[in-house]
Structures are given as structure tokens and as C-alpha cells.
Amino acid sequence: MIDDSNIPLLDKTLILKVWNQHQSAASDNSNKLWALLMFLDWYRQRVGRS
């Protein structure tokens, strides 16, 4: 999901924690993950791939 991104604003450790919690059904993080995906899409379109 974020492997190819080099966006300094993002804490990849936290994102992976949220993702793993979601995947294990420990927590429904769908809203957070959707917001992250939309941000990444916006960032890549507006700022470009870094």
C-alpha cells in the first residue's frame, strides 16, 4: 500500500500497525485506511511520486 511512497508526513510504522489490526479483525480501521488511500492518491496526483 505505501511501499513505494516516500512521504515524510506518514508514519509507516503506525500505518502498518493500523493495517495489521484491521486485517486481524482486532479493530475496524476501514475509515482510517480509506482516508489514507485517498490522501495517497491525492498526493501522487498533485505532488507527484517522490
C-alpha atoms as a PDB file:
ATOM      1  CA  MET A   1       0.000   0.000   0.000  1.00  0.00           C
ATOM      2  CA  ILE A   2       2.683   2.522   0.939  1.00  0.00           C
ATOM      3  CA  ASP A   3       5.832   0.638  -0.036  1.00  0.00           C
ATOM      4  CA  ASP A   4       6.600   2.914  -2.958  1.00  0.00           C
ATOM      5  CA  SER A   5       5.747   6.143  -1.178  1.00  0.00           C
ATOM      6  CA  ASN A   6       8.343   8.417   0.275  1.00  0.00           C
ATOM      7  CA  ILE A   7       6.058  10.886   2.008  1.00  0.00           C
ATOM      8  CA  PRO A   8       7.715  12.312   5.111  1.00  0.00           C
ATOM      9  CA  LEU A   9       4.363  13.148   6.726  1.00  0.00           C
ATOM     10  CA  LEU A  10       3.455   9.495   7.133  1.00  0.00           C
ATOM     11  CA  ASP A  11       4.487   7.217   9.969  1.00  0.00           C
ATOM     12  CA  LYS A  12       4.808   3.878   8.189  1.00  0.00           C
ATOM     13  CA  THR A  13       5.111   2.003  11.482  1.00  0.00           C
ATOM     14  CA  LEU A  14       1.776   3.372  12.651  1.00  0.00           C
ATOM     15  CA  ILE A  15       0.147   2.679   9.297  1.00  0.00           C
ATOM     16  CA  LEU A  16       1.305  -0.938   9.392  1.00  0.00           C
ATOM     17  CA  LYS A  17       0.014  -1.278  12.944  1.00  0.00           C
ATOM     18  CA  VAL A  18      -3.416   0.036  11.903  1.00  0.00           C
ATOM     19  CA  TRP A  19      -3.390  -2.233   8.830  1.00  0.00           C
ATOM     20  CA  ASN A  20      -2.449  -5.326  10.862  1.00  0.00           C
ATOM     21  CA  GLN A  21      -5.148  -4.591  13.443  1.00  0.00           C
ATOM     22  CA  HIS A  22      -7.663  -4.283  10.641  1.00  0.00           C
ATOM     23  CA  GLN A  23      -6.517  -7.485   8.920  1.00  0.00           C
ATOM     24  CA  SER A  24      -6.698  -9.479  12.161  1.00  0.00           C
ATOM     25  CA  ALA A  25     -10.194  -8.105  12.878  1.00  0.00           C
ATOM     26  CA  ALA A  26      -8.944  -6.639  16.153  1.00  0.00           C
ATOM     27  CA  SER A  27     -10.243  -3.260  15.027  1.00  0.00           C
ATOM     28  CA  ASP A  28     -12.323  -1.888  12.162  1.00  0.00           C
ATOM     29  CA  ASN A  29      -9.949   0.676  10.698  1.00  0.00           C
ATOM     30  CA  SER A  30     -11.674   0.891   7.340  1.00  0.00           C
ATOM     31  CA  ASN A  31     -12.349   4.626   7.666  1.00  0.00           C
ATOM     32  CA  LYS A  32      -8.732   5.391   8.552  1.00  0.00           C
ATOM     33  CA  LEU A  33      -7.399   3.205   5.764  1.00  0.00           C
ATOM     34  CA  TRP A  34      -9.793   4.692   3.218  1.00  0.00           C
ATOM     35  CA  ALA A  35      -8.742   8.202   4.229  1.00  0.00           C
ATOM     36  CA  LEU A  36      -5.094   7.177   3.886  1.00  0.00           C
ATOM     37  CA  LEU A  37      -5.690   5.744   0.416  1.00  0.00           C
ATOM     38  CA  MET A  38      -7.481   8.897  -0.675  1.00  0.00           C
ATOM     39  CA  PHE A  39      -4.663  11.057   0.689  1.00  0.00           C
ATOM     40  CA  LEU A  40      -2.052   8.962  -1.114  1.00  0.00           C
ATOM     41  CA  ASP A  41      -3.999   9.233  -4.357  1.00  0.00           C
ATOM     42  CA  TRP A  42      -4.349  12.994  -3.951  1.00  0.00           C
ATOM     43  CA  TYR A  43      -0.688  13.380  -3.043  1.00  0.00           C
ATOM     44  CA  ARG A  44       0.526  11.366  -6.025  1.00  0.00           C
ATOM     45  CA  GLN A  45      -1.693  13.330  -8.406  1.00  0.00           C
ATOM     46  CA  ARG A  46      -0.922  16.778  -7.022  1.00  0.00           C
ATOM     47  CA  VAL A  47       2.649  16.461  -5.757  1.00  0.00           C
ATOM     48  CA  GLY A  48       3.827  13.535  -7.816  1.00  0.00           C
ATOM     49  CA  ARG A  49       5.581  10.342  -6.912  1.00  0.00           C
ATOM     50  CA  SER A  50       8.522  11.014  -4.664  1.00  0.00           C
END
